[in-house]
């Protein structure tokens, strides 16, 4: 084994590291789409890696975090009932390559009652 002088090694190591990172970028898998939005008491995040929707109730305000999901895969509703710190993850099965929309609302009372106090808080779109 031939020894490399220190001055030459100092040049080769950074060049080797740069080559490694450049190669890893070229062979990296396609990027996964993530989208998230929060509001006063609710938070929702979609991640395309696995096609998951994560929803969390972040505030003890007596409201339910209510999610409306619309897109080419149909309409769906998700809710996290009153409880600060509660969170749920749903495994979605949305069509690939399509744009979907999420509306996050906070509901005081039951989401099915006409006299409930609804507060629309946030909207975001994501692509599967």
C-alpha atoms as a PDB file:
ATOM      1  CA  UNK A   1       0.000   0.000   0.000  1.00  0.00           C
ATOM      2  CA  UNK A   2       1.350   3.358  -1.026  1.00  0.00           C
ATOM      3  CA  UNK A   3       1.199   6.243   1.444  1.00  0.00           C
ATOM      4  CA  UNK A   4      -0.265   9.543   0.255  1.00  0.00           C
ATOM      5  CA  UNK A   5       1.529  12.694   1.436  1.00  0.00           C
ATOM      6  CA  UNK A   6      -0.642  14.777   3.819  1.00  0.00           C
ATOM      7  CA  UNK A   7      -0.869  17.787   1.490  1.00  0.00           C
ATOM      8  CA  UNK A   8      -2.205  15.620  -1.336  1.00  0.00           C
ATOM      9  CA  UNK A   9      -4.584  13.743   1.000  1.00  0.00           C
ATOM     10  CA  UNK A  10      -6.058  17.054   2.173  1.00  0.00           C
ATOM     11  CA  UNK A  11      -7.035  17.764  -1.438  1.00  0.00           C
ATOM     12  CA  UNK A  12      -8.315  14.275  -2.251  1.00  0.00           C
ATOM     13  CA  UNK A  13     -10.635  13.865   0.752  1.00  0.00           C
ATOM     14  CA  UNK A  14     -12.814  16.976   0.095  1.00  0.00           C
ATOM     15  CA  UNK A  15     -12.909  16.129  -3.621  1.00  0.00           C
ATOM     16  CA  UNK A  16     -14.011  12.576  -2.788  1.00  0.00           C
ATOM     17  CA  UNK A  17     -16.728  13.810  -0.420  1.00  0.00           C
ATOM     18  CA  UNK A  18     -18.002  16.271  -3.043  1.00  0.00           C
ATOM     19  CA  UNK A  19     -18.087  13.504  -5.666  1.00  0.00           C
ATOM     20  CA  UNK A  20     -20.008  11.209  -3.278  1.00  0.00           C
ATOM     21  CA  UNK A  21     -22.669  13.856  -2.569  1.00  0.00           C
ATOM     22  CA  UNK A  22     -22.998  14.793  -6.248  1.00  0.00           C
ATOM     23  CA  UNK A  23     -23.504  11.135  -7.148  1.00  0.00           C
ATOM     24  CA  UNK A  24     -26.086  10.658  -4.391  1.00  0.00           C
ATOM     25  CA  UNK A  25     -28.089  13.594  -5.739  1.00  0.00           C
ATOM     26  CA  UNK A  26     -28.113  12.078  -9.224  1.00  0.00           C
ATOM     27  CA  UNK A  27     -29.429   8.722  -8.011  1.00  0.00           C
ATOM     28  CA  UNK A  28     -31.788  10.062  -5.352  1.00  0.00           C
ATOM     29  CA  UNK A  29     -35.400   8.868  -5.618  1.00  0.00           C
ATOM     30  CA  UNK A  30     -38.102  11.245  -6.767  1.00  0.00           C
ATOM     31  CA  UNK A  31     -38.987  13.828  -4.156  1.00  0.00           C
ATOM     32  CA  UNK A  32     -42.048  13.199  -2.030  1.00  0.00           C
ATOM     33  CA  UNK A  33     -44.605  15.948  -1.675  1.00  0.00           C
ATOM     34  CA  UNK A  34     -45.305  17.178   1.809  1.00  0.00           C
ATOM     35  CA  UNK A  35     -47.775  19.878   2.757  1.00  0.00           C
ATOM     36  CA  UNK A  36     -48.803  21.166   6.155  1.00  0.00           C
ATOM     37  CA  UNK A  37     -50.830  23.971   7.633  1.00  0.00           C
ATOM     38  CA  UNK A  38     -51.724  24.949  11.151  1.00  0.00           C
ATOM     39  CA  UNK A  39     -54.274  27.221  12.710  1.00  0.00           C
ATOM     40  CA  UNK A  40     -55.148  28.420  16.198  1.00  0.00           C
ATOM     41  CA  UNK A  41     -55.978  24.977  17.531  1.00  0.00           C
ATOM     42  CA  UNK A  42     -55.529  22.489  14.726  1.00  0.00           C
ATOM     43  CA  UNK A  43     -52.773  21.185  12.515  1.00  0.00           C
ATOM     44  CA  UNK A  44     -52.794  18.946   9.454  1.00  0.00           C
ATOM     45  CA  UNK A  45     -49.934  17.502   7.459  1.00  0.00           C
ATOM     46  CA  UNK A  46     -49.967  15.369   4.334  1.00  0.00           C
ATOM     47  CA  UNK A  47     -46.971  13.326   3.269  1.00  0.00           C
ATOM     48  CA  UNK A  48     -46.922  11.477  -0.032  1.00  0.00           C
ATOM     49  CA  UNK A  49     -44.367   8.955   1.191  1.00  0.00           C
ATOM     50  CA  UNK A  50     -46.891   6.372   2.314  1.00  0.00           C
ATOM     51  CA  UNK A  51     -49.832   8.660   1.493  1.00  0.00           C
ATOM     52  CA  UNK A  52     -50.555   9.695   5.112  1.00  0.00           C
ATOM     53  CA  UNK A  53     -52.642  12.462   6.651  1.00  0.00           C
ATOM     54  CA  UNK A  54     -51.646  13.511  10.167  1.00  0.00           C
ATOM     55  CA  UNK A  55     -54.035  15.723  12.181  1.00  0.00           C
ATOM     56  CA  UNK A  56     -53.473  17.143  15.647  1.00  0.00           C
ATOM     57  CA  UNK A  57     -55.539  19.132  18.138  1.00  0.00           C
ATOM     58  CA  UNK A  58     -53.021  21.587  19.601  1.00  0.00           C
ATOM     59  CA  UNK A  59     -55.159  23.605  21.981  1.00  0.00           C
ATOM     60  CA  UNK A  60     -57.473  22.901  24.914  1.00  0.00           C
ATOM     61  CA  UNK A  61     -60.248  25.133  23.598  1.00  0.00           C
ATOM     62  CA  UNK A  62     -63.167  22.684  23.578  1.00  0.00           C
ATOM     63  CA  UNK A  63     -63.211  22.617  19.772  1.00  0.00           C
ATOM     64  CA  UNK A  64     -62.948  19.659  17.421  1.00  0.00           C
ATOM     65  CA  UNK A  65     -60.430  19.802  14.596  1.00  0.00           C
ATOM     66  CA  UNK A  66     -62.368  18.992  11.444  1.00  0.00           C
ATOM     67  CA  UNK A  67     -60.729  18.223   8.091  1.00  0.00           C
ATOM     68  CA  UNK A  68     -62.413  18.263   4.678  1.00  0.00           C
ATOM     69  CA  UNK A  69     -60.368  16.531   1.985  1.00  0.00           C
ATOM     70  CA  UNK A  70     -61.438  16.925  -1.629  1.00  0.00           C
ATOM     71  CA  UNK A  71     -59.862  15.818  -4.877  1.00  0.00           C
ATOM     72  CA  UNK A  72     -60.025  13.312  -7.725  1.00  0.00           C
ATOM     73  CA  UNK A  73     -60.138  10.432  -5.230  1.00  0.00           C
ATOM     74  CA  UNK A  74     -63.414  11.722  -3.798  1.00  0.00           C
ATOM     75  CA  UNK A  75     -64.487  13.630  -0.707  1.00  0.00           C
ATOM     76  CA  UNK A  76     -63.503  12.615   2.814  1.00  0.00           C
ATOM     77  CA  UNK A  77     -63.941  14.065   6.312  1.00  0.00           C
ATOM     78  CA  UNK A  78     -61.699  13.496   9.318  1.00  0.00           C
ATOM     79  CA  UNK A  79     -61.968  14.852  12.837  1.00  0.00           C
ATOM     80  CA  UNK A  80     -60.017  14.857  16.051  1.00  0.00           C
ATOM     81  CA  UNK A  81     -62.531  15.225  18.866  1.00  0.00           C
ATOM     82  CA  UNK A  82     -61.931  17.762  21.599  1.00  0.00           C
ATOM     83  CA  UNK A  83     -58.703  17.052  23.364  1.00  0.00           C
ATOM     84  CA  UNK A  84     -55.515  19.059  23.354  1.00  0.00           C
ATOM     85  CA  UNK A  85     -52.587  16.948  22.319  1.00  0.00           C
ATOM     86  CA  UNK A  86     -54.691  14.263  20.623  1.00  0.00           C
ATOM     87  CA  UNK A  87     -53.559  13.316  17.169  1.00  0.00           C
ATOM     88  CA  UNK A  88     -54.445  10.747  14.568  1.00  0.00           C
ATOM     89  CA  UNK A  89     -52.844   9.493  11.380  1.00  0.00           C
ATOM     90  CA  UNK A  90     -54.892   8.180   8.485  1.00  0.00           C
ATOM     91  CA  UNK A  91     -53.464   6.028   5.716  1.00  0.00           C
ATOM     92  CA  UNK A  92     -55.031   7.489   2.583  1.00  0.00           C
ATOM     93  CA  UNK A  93     -55.318   5.824  -0.780  1.00  0.00           C
ATOM     94  CA  UNK A  94     -55.454   8.825  -3.109  1.00  0.00           C
ATOM     95  CA  UNK A  95     -54.839   8.574  -6.887  1.00  0.00           C
ATOM     96  CA  UNK A  96     -51.237   9.328  -7.857  1.00  0.00           C
ATOM     97  CA  UNK A  97     -50.251  12.592  -9.553  1.00  0.00           C
ATOM     98  CA  UNK A  98     -53.420  14.492  -8.607  1.00  0.00           C
ATOM     99  CA  UNK A  99     -53.998  17.725  -6.706  1.00  0.00           C
ATOM    100  CA  UNK A 100     -56.109  17.555  -3.546  1.00  0.00           C
ATOM    101  CA  UNK A 101     -57.353  20.253  -1.181  1.00  0.00           C
ATOM    102  CA  UNK A 102     -57.587  20.231   2.606  1.00  0.00           C
ATOM    103  CA  UNK A 103     -59.690  22.658   4.635  1.00  0.00           C
ATOM    104  CA  UNK A 104     -59.027  22.740   8.381  1.00  0.00           C
ATOM    105  CA  UNK A 105     -61.875  23.997  10.568  1.00  0.00           C
ATOM    106  CA  UNK A 106     -62.490  24.187  14.286  1.00  0.00           C
ATOM    107  CA  UNK A 107     -65.947  23.233  15.501  1.00  0.00           C
ATOM    108  CA  UNK A 108     -67.513  24.052  18.864  1.00  0.00           C
ATOM    109  CA  UNK A 109     -70.238  21.476  19.429  1.00  0.00           C
ATOM    110  CA  UNK A 110     -70.994  18.504  17.191  1.00  0.00           C
ATOM    111  CA  UNK A 111     -69.884  18.761  13.584  1.00  0.00           C
ATOM    112  CA  UNK A 112     -73.292  17.431  12.463  1.00  0.00           C
ATOM    113  CA  UNK A 113     -75.403  20.002  14.359  1.00  0.00           C
ATOM    114  CA  UNK A 114     -76.678  23.080  12.534  1.00  0.00           C
ATOM    115  CA  UNK A 115     -76.185  25.273  15.610  1.00  0.00           C
ATOM    116  CA  UNK A 116     -72.497  24.391  16.018  1.00  0.00           C
ATOM    117  CA  UNK A 117     -70.015  27.224  15.957  1.00  0.00           C
ATOM    118  CA  UNK A 118     -67.678  26.656  12.960  1.00  0.00           C
ATOM    119  CA  UNK A 119     -64.462  28.540  12.438  1.00  0.00           C
ATOM    120  CA  UNK A 120     -62.674  28.041   9.140  1.00  0.00           C
ATOM    121  CA  UNK A 121     -58.990  28.387   9.844  1.00  0.00           C
ATOM    122  CA  UNK A 122     -56.739  27.160   7.037  1.00  0.00           C
ATOM    123  CA  UNK A 123     -56.644  25.676   3.549  1.00  0.00           C
ATOM    124  CA  UNK A 124     -53.850  24.022   1.617  1.00  0.00           C
ATOM    125  CA  UNK A 125     -53.368  21.939  -1.487  1.00  0.00           C
ATOM    126  CA  UNK A 126     -51.104  18.962  -2.003  1.00  0.00           C
ATOM    127  CA  UNK A 127     -50.146  16.739  -4.906  1.00  0.00           C
ATOM    128  CA  UNK A 128     -50.035  12.976  -4.543  1.00  0.00           C
END
